[in-house]
Amino acid sequence: DACVGFYRRAGFMTNPLFGYDTGKPPERGLYRLATLRAREEGRRLGLHSHSSGGAGGYKRHRGAVSVVECCMVHAGHLPWHRRLPWLALHVVLWHGLARALRLPGGPTGPVPPLEGA
């Protein structure tokens, strides 16, 4: 009544395919069982689990903590005029939006420790 699909890369796993039959009684705990199955498989394979931001309200209710996820772009080898758009994007998103929203792990907040790290 539930399914989990995942992929792994660079020591991490994420499960973009995750679902359960919401018509079944909540007491069956299908969401928890699917989550547990994904974590067990990650542990068996020696991978860190990336649980994504989906179902945020449910995860917060269960004690999850959100942190800022970062993507990096190496532009140091590019000429100045090609680096400028990346710099502008950095300033707007990181120093503007992340600071305004006071995101955990953002430019003014402490970075929470990673689980199991």
N, C-alpha and C. Protein backbone atom coordinates (compact mmCIF):
# COMPACT_ATOMS: atom_id res chain seq x y z
N ASP A 1 0.82 -1.21 0.00
CA ASP A 1 0.00 0.00 0.00
C ASP A 1 0.86 1.27 0.00
N ALA A 2 2.19 1.09 -0.06
CA ALA A 2 3.12 2.22 -0.10
C ALA A 2 4.28 1.85 -1.01
N CYS A 3 4.95 2.87 -1.55
CA CYS A 3 6.12 2.60 -2.40
C CYS A 3 7.17 3.67 -2.17
N VAL A 4 8.42 3.27 -2.37
CA VAL A 4 9.56 4.18 -2.26
C VAL A 4 10.52 3.83 -3.39
N GLY A 5 10.95 4.83 -4.13
CA GLY A 5 11.98 4.66 -5.13
C GLY A 5 13.08 5.67 -4.84
N PHE A 6 14.33 5.30 -4.98
CA PHE A 6 15.40 6.23 -4.67
C PHE A 6 16.53 6.09 -5.68
N TYR A 7 17.40 7.08 -5.69
CA TYR A 7 18.65 6.96 -6.43
C TYR A 7 19.76 7.45 -5.53
N ARG A 8 20.98 7.05 -5.86
CA ARG A 8 22.12 7.42 -5.04
C ARG A 8 23.19 8.07 -5.90
N ARG A 9 23.90 9.00 -5.26
CA ARG A 9 25.00 9.69 -5.93
C ARG A 9 25.89 10.30 -4.87
N ALA A 10 27.17 10.10 -5.03
CA ALA A 10 28.20 10.72 -4.17
C ALA A 10 27.95 10.48 -2.68
N GLY A 11 27.52 9.28 -2.32
CA GLY A 11 27.34 8.94 -0.93
C GLY A 11 26.01 9.37 -0.32
N PHE A 12 25.13 9.91 -1.14
CA PHE A 12 23.82 10.34 -0.67
C PHE A 12 22.73 9.58 -1.43
N MET A 13 21.58 9.46 -0.80
CA MET A 13 20.42 8.92 -1.48
C MET A 13 19.25 9.88 -1.30
N THR A 14 18.42 9.93 -2.31
CA THR A 14 17.19 10.71 -2.22
C THR A 14 16.08 9.88 -2.84
N ASN A 15 14.87 10.09 -2.35
CA ASN A 15 13.77 9.28 -2.84
C ASN A 15 12.69 10.16 -3.48
N PRO A 16 12.84 10.44 -4.77
CA PRO A 16 11.85 11.26 -5.47
C PRO A 16 10.52 10.53 -5.69
N LEU A 17 10.54 9.21 -5.62
CA LEU A 17 9.31 8.44 -5.75
C LEU A 17 8.93 7.95 -4.36
N PHE A 18 7.84 8.51 -3.85
CA PHE A 18 7.43 8.20 -2.48
C PHE A 18 5.93 8.38 -2.41
N GLY A 19 5.22 7.35 -2.07
CA GLY A 19 3.77 7.48 -2.00
C GLY A 19 3.13 6.40 -1.16
N TYR A 20 1.90 6.65 -0.78
CA TYR A 20 1.14 5.68 -0.01
C TYR A 20 -0.35 5.92 -0.25
N ASP A 21 -1.15 4.94 0.04
CA ASP A 21 -2.59 5.01 -0.17
C ASP A 21 -3.22 5.82 0.95
N THR A 22 -3.61 7.06 0.63
CA THR A 22 -4.20 7.93 1.66
C THR A 22 -5.62 7.50 2.03
N GLY A 23 -6.16 6.55 1.29
CA GLY A 23 -7.49 6.03 1.63
C GLY A 23 -7.45 5.01 2.76
N LYS A 24 -6.26 4.54 3.10
CA LYS A 24 -6.11 3.57 4.19
C LYS A 24 -6.13 4.31 5.53
N PRO A 25 -6.51 3.64 6.60
CA PRO A 25 -6.55 4.29 7.92
C PRO A 25 -5.18 4.80 8.34
N PRO A 26 -5.12 6.02 8.89
CA PRO A 26 -3.83 6.58 9.33
C PRO A 26 -3.13 5.71 10.37
N GLU A 27 -3.88 4.94 11.12
CA GLU A 27 -3.30 4.08 12.15
C GLU A 27 -2.32 3.06 11.57
N ARG A 28 -2.45 2.77 10.29
CA ARG A 28 -1.53 1.82 9.65
C ARG A 28 -0.12 2.40 9.53
N GLY A 29 -0.01 3.72 9.60
CA GLY A 29 1.30 4.36 9.58
C GLY A 29 2.08 4.15 8.29
N LEU A 30 1.39 4.19 7.15
CA LEU A 30 2.06 3.91 5.88
C LEU A 30 3.18 4.90 5.57
N TYR A 31 2.97 6.19 5.87
CA TYR A 31 4.01 7.19 5.62
C TYR A 31 5.25 6.86 6.44
N ARG A 32 5.04 6.56 7.72
CA ARG A 32 6.18 6.23 8.60
C ARG A 32 6.87 4.96 8.14
N LEU A 33 6.11 3.96 7.73
CA LEU A 33 6.71 2.70 7.29
C LEU A 33 7.54 2.91 6.01
N ALA A 34 7.02 3.71 5.07
CA ALA A 34 7.76 3.97 3.84
C ALA A 34 9.04 4.75 4.16
N THR A 35 8.94 5.73 5.06
CA THR A 35 10.11 6.51 5.47
C THR A 35 11.14 5.61 6.13
N LEU A 36 10.68 4.75 7.02
CA LEU A 36 11.58 3.82 7.70
C LEU A 36 12.27 2.89 6.70
N ARG A 37 11.53 2.41 5.73
CA ARG A 37 12.11 1.52 4.72
C ARG A 37 13.21 2.23 3.94
N ALA A 38 12.97 3.47 3.57
CA ALA A 38 13.99 4.24 2.84
C ALA A 38 15.23 4.44 3.70
N ARG A 39 15.05 4.79 4.96
CA ARG A 39 16.20 5.00 5.86
C ARG A 39 16.97 3.70 6.09
N GLU A 40 16.25 2.62 6.28
CA GLU A 40 16.93 1.34 6.49
C GLU A 40 17.78 0.97 5.28
N GLU A 41 17.24 1.19 4.09
CA GLU A 41 17.98 0.86 2.87
C GLU A 41 19.21 1.76 2.74
N GLY A 42 19.07 3.04 3.07
CA GLY A 42 20.21 3.95 3.05
C GLY A 42 21.29 3.52 4.03
N ARG A 43 20.87 3.14 5.22
CA ARG A 43 21.83 2.68 6.23
C ARG A 43 22.52 1.40 5.77
N ARG A 44 21.74 0.47 5.19
CA ARG A 44 22.31 -0.79 4.71
C ARG A 44 23.38 -0.54 3.65
N LEU A 45 23.15 0.47 2.79
CA LEU A 45 24.08 0.79 1.72
C LEU A 45 25.17 1.78 2.15
N GLY A 46 25.11 2.26 3.39
CA GLY A 46 26.10 3.20 3.90
C GLY A 46 25.96 4.59 3.30
N LEU A 47 24.74 5.02 3.01
CA LEU A 47 24.50 6.31 2.38
C LEU A 47 23.88 7.29 3.37
N HIS A 48 24.14 8.58 3.16
CA HIS A 48 23.43 9.63 3.88
C HIS A 48 22.09 9.81 3.20
N SER A 49 21.07 10.07 3.98
CA SER A 49 19.73 10.22 3.42
C SER A 49 19.37 11.69 3.25
N HIS A 50 18.92 12.06 2.08
CA HIS A 50 18.42 13.40 1.80
C HIS A 50 16.92 13.27 1.67
N SER A 51 16.18 13.83 2.63
CA SER A 51 14.74 13.60 2.68
C SER A 51 13.91 14.67 1.98
N SER A 52 14.52 15.59 1.31
CA SER A 52 13.86 16.66 0.54
C SER A 52 12.95 17.52 1.40
N GLY A 53 12.31 18.48 0.77
CA GLY A 53 11.46 19.42 1.49
C GLY A 53 9.99 19.12 1.38
N GLY A 54 9.60 18.06 0.72
CA GLY A 54 8.19 17.74 0.57
C GLY A 54 7.52 17.43 1.90
N ALA A 55 6.22 17.63 1.99
CA ALA A 55 5.43 17.36 3.19
C ALA A 55 6.00 18.10 4.40
N GLY A 56 6.34 19.38 4.20
CA GLY A 56 7.00 20.17 5.24
C GLY A 56 6.26 20.22 6.55
N GLY A 57 4.96 20.45 6.52
CA GLY A 57 4.18 20.53 7.75
C GLY A 57 4.23 19.23 8.53
N TYR A 58 4.10 18.14 7.83
CA TYR A 58 4.15 16.82 8.47
C TYR A 58 5.52 16.58 9.09
N LYS A 59 6.57 16.94 8.35
CA LYS A 59 7.92 16.71 8.85
C LYS A 59 8.22 17.59 10.06
N ARG A 60 7.78 18.86 10.04
CA ARG A 60 8.00 19.74 11.19
C ARG A 60 7.28 19.19 12.42
N HIS A 61 6.07 18.68 12.22
CA HIS A 61 5.30 18.09 13.32
C HIS A 61 6.06 16.92 13.93
N ARG A 62 6.85 16.22 13.15
CA ARG A 62 7.62 15.08 13.61
C ARG A 62 9.02 15.48 14.09
N GLY A 63 9.32 16.79 14.11
CA GLY A 63 10.59 17.24 14.66
C GLY A 63 11.68 17.55 13.65
N ALA A 64 11.36 17.53 12.36
CA ALA A 64 12.37 17.83 11.35
C ALA A 64 12.73 19.32 11.39
N VAL A 65 13.95 19.64 11.01
CA VAL A 65 14.43 21.02 10.95
C VAL A 65 14.87 21.31 9.53
N SER A 66 14.37 22.42 8.98
CA SER A 66 14.75 22.81 7.62
C SER A 66 16.07 23.57 7.64
N VAL A 67 16.87 23.38 6.63
CA VAL A 67 18.10 24.15 6.44
C VAL A 67 18.18 24.58 4.98
N VAL A 68 18.97 25.59 4.73
CA VAL A 68 19.17 26.08 3.38
C VAL A 68 20.00 25.07 2.60
N GLU A 69 19.54 24.74 1.43
CA GLU A 69 20.31 23.89 0.53
C GLU A 69 21.02 24.78 -0.46
N CYS A 70 22.25 24.47 -0.74
CA CYS A 70 23.03 25.32 -1.63
C CYS A 70 23.48 24.56 -2.87
N CYS A 71 23.46 25.27 -3.97
CA CYS A 71 24.07 24.79 -5.20
C CYS A 71 25.22 25.74 -5.48
N MET A 72 26.33 25.21 -5.91
CA MET A 72 27.49 26.05 -6.16
C MET A 72 27.81 26.07 -7.65
N VAL A 73 28.27 27.21 -8.09
CA VAL A 73 28.69 27.38 -9.48
C VAL A 73 30.12 27.91 -9.45
N HIS A 74 31.03 27.20 -10.07
CA HIS A 74 32.40 27.68 -10.18
C HIS A 74 32.49 28.53 -11.44
N ALA A 75 32.72 29.81 -11.23
CA ALA A 75 32.78 30.73 -12.36
C ALA A 75 34.11 31.48 -12.40
N GLY A 76 35.05 31.10 -11.55
CA GLY A 76 36.33 31.80 -11.47
C GLY A 76 37.14 31.79 -12.75
N HIS A 77 36.92 30.81 -13.59
CA HIS A 77 37.66 30.69 -14.84
C HIS A 77 37.05 31.53 -15.96
N LEU A 78 35.88 32.08 -15.71
CA LEU A 78 35.18 32.84 -16.76
C LEU A 78 35.64 34.29 -16.79
N PRO A 79 35.54 34.93 -17.94
CA PRO A 79 35.83 36.36 -17.99
C PRO A 79 34.84 37.14 -17.13
N TRP A 80 35.24 38.32 -16.70
CA TRP A 80 34.44 39.13 -15.78
C TRP A 80 33.00 39.31 -16.27
N HIS A 81 32.80 39.61 -17.52
CA HIS A 81 31.43 39.87 -18.01
C HIS A 81 30.55 38.62 -17.93
N ARG A 82 31.15 37.42 -17.91
CA ARG A 82 30.38 36.17 -17.78
C ARG A 82 30.14 35.81 -16.31
N ARG A 83 31.00 36.35 -15.42
CA ARG A 83 30.83 36.10 -13.98
C ARG A 83 29.78 37.01 -13.36
N LEU A 84 29.59 38.17 -13.94
CA LEU A 84 28.70 39.18 -13.37
C LEU A 84 27.27 38.68 -13.13
N PRO A 85 26.63 37.97 -14.06
CA PRO A 85 25.27 37.48 -13.77
C PRO A 85 25.23 36.53 -12.57
N TRP A 86 26.27 35.70 -12.41
CA TRP A 86 26.30 34.78 -11.27
C TRP A 86 26.46 35.54 -9.96
N LEU A 87 27.27 36.59 -9.98
CA LEU A 87 27.45 37.42 -8.80
C LEU A 87 26.14 38.11 -8.43
N ALA A 88 25.44 38.63 -9.42
CA ALA A 88 24.16 39.30 -9.16
C ALA A 88 23.14 38.31 -8.57
N LEU A 89 23.09 37.12 -9.12
CA LEU A 89 22.19 36.10 -8.60
C LEU A 89 22.53 35.74 -7.15
N HIS A 90 23.81 35.62 -6.86
CA HIS A 90 24.27 35.33 -5.50
C HIS A 90 23.82 36.42 -4.53
N VAL A 91 24.02 37.66 -4.89
CA VAL A 91 23.67 38.77 -4.01
C VAL A 91 22.16 38.79 -3.76
N VAL A 92 21.37 38.65 -4.80
CA VAL A 92 19.91 38.70 -4.65
C VAL A 92 19.39 37.53 -3.82
N LEU A 93 19.81 36.32 -4.15
CA LEU A 93 19.27 35.15 -3.47
C LEU A 93 19.84 34.96 -2.07
N TRP A 94 21.15 35.03 -1.93
CA TRP A 94 21.76 34.72 -0.65
C TRP A 94 21.68 35.88 0.32
N HIS A 95 22.12 37.05 -0.10
CA HIS A 95 22.15 38.19 0.80
C HIS A 95 20.84 38.95 0.85
N GLY A 96 19.96 38.69 -0.09
CA GLY A 96 18.64 39.32 -0.08
C GLY A 96 17.58 38.39 0.46
N LEU A 97 17.22 37.41 -0.33
CA LEU A 97 16.10 36.52 0.01
C LEU A 97 16.39 35.66 1.25
N ALA A 98 17.52 35.00 1.30
CA ALA A 98 17.83 34.14 2.45
C ALA A 98 17.91 34.94 3.74
N ARG A 99 18.46 36.12 3.67
CA ARG A 99 18.55 36.98 4.87
C ARG A 99 17.17 37.48 5.27
N ALA A 100 16.37 37.90 4.30
CA ALA A 100 15.04 38.42 4.60
C ALA A 100 14.14 37.34 5.22
N LEU A 101 14.28 36.12 4.74
CA LEU A 101 13.45 35.03 5.26
C LEU A 101 14.02 34.41 6.53
N ARG A 102 15.25 34.83 6.90
CA ARG A 102 15.94 34.30 8.09
C ARG A 102 15.95 32.78 8.08
N LEU A 103 16.38 32.24 6.97
CA LEU A 103 16.41 30.79 6.82
C LEU A 103 17.49 30.17 7.69
N PRO A 104 17.20 29.03 8.35
CA PRO A 104 18.24 28.35 9.13
C PRO A 104 19.41 27.98 8.24
N GLY A 105 20.59 28.31 8.67
CA GLY A 105 21.77 28.04 7.85
C GLY A 105 22.01 29.12 6.81
N GLY A 106 21.17 30.16 6.80
CA GLY A 106 21.34 31.27 5.86
C GLY A 106 22.50 32.16 6.27
N PRO A 107 22.66 33.31 5.62
CA PRO A 107 23.84 34.15 5.87
C PRO A 107 23.95 34.70 7.27
N THR A 108 22.85 34.75 8.03
CA THR A 108 22.95 35.28 9.40
C THR A 108 22.64 34.23 10.46
N GLY A 109 22.24 33.04 10.05
CA GLY A 109 21.84 32.04 11.03
C GLY A 109 22.87 30.94 11.19
N PRO A 110 22.84 30.27 12.36
CA PRO A 110 23.75 29.15 12.56
C PRO A 110 23.34 27.96 11.68
N VAL A 111 24.29 27.18 11.30
CA VAL A 111 24.01 26.00 10.50
C VAL A 111 23.77 24.84 11.46
N PRO A 112 22.56 24.26 11.45
CA PRO A 112 22.31 23.12 12.34
C PRO A 112 23.20 21.94 11.95
N PRO A 113 23.62 21.12 12.94
CA PRO A 113 24.47 19.97 12.60
C PRO A 113 23.71 18.95 11.77
N LEU A 114 24.44 18.26 10.89
CA LEU A 114 23.84 17.20 10.10
C LEU A 114 23.64 15.96 10.96
N GLU A 115 22.54 15.28 10.73
CA GLU A 115 22.27 14.04 11.45
C GLU A 115 23.31 13.00 11.09
N GLY A 116 23.90 12.39 12.08
CA GLY A 116 24.86 11.31 11.85
C GLY A 116 26.23 11.76 11.38
N ALA A 117 26.45 13.08 11.32
CA ALA A 117 27.75 13.57 10.84
C ALA A 117 28.72 13.75 11.98
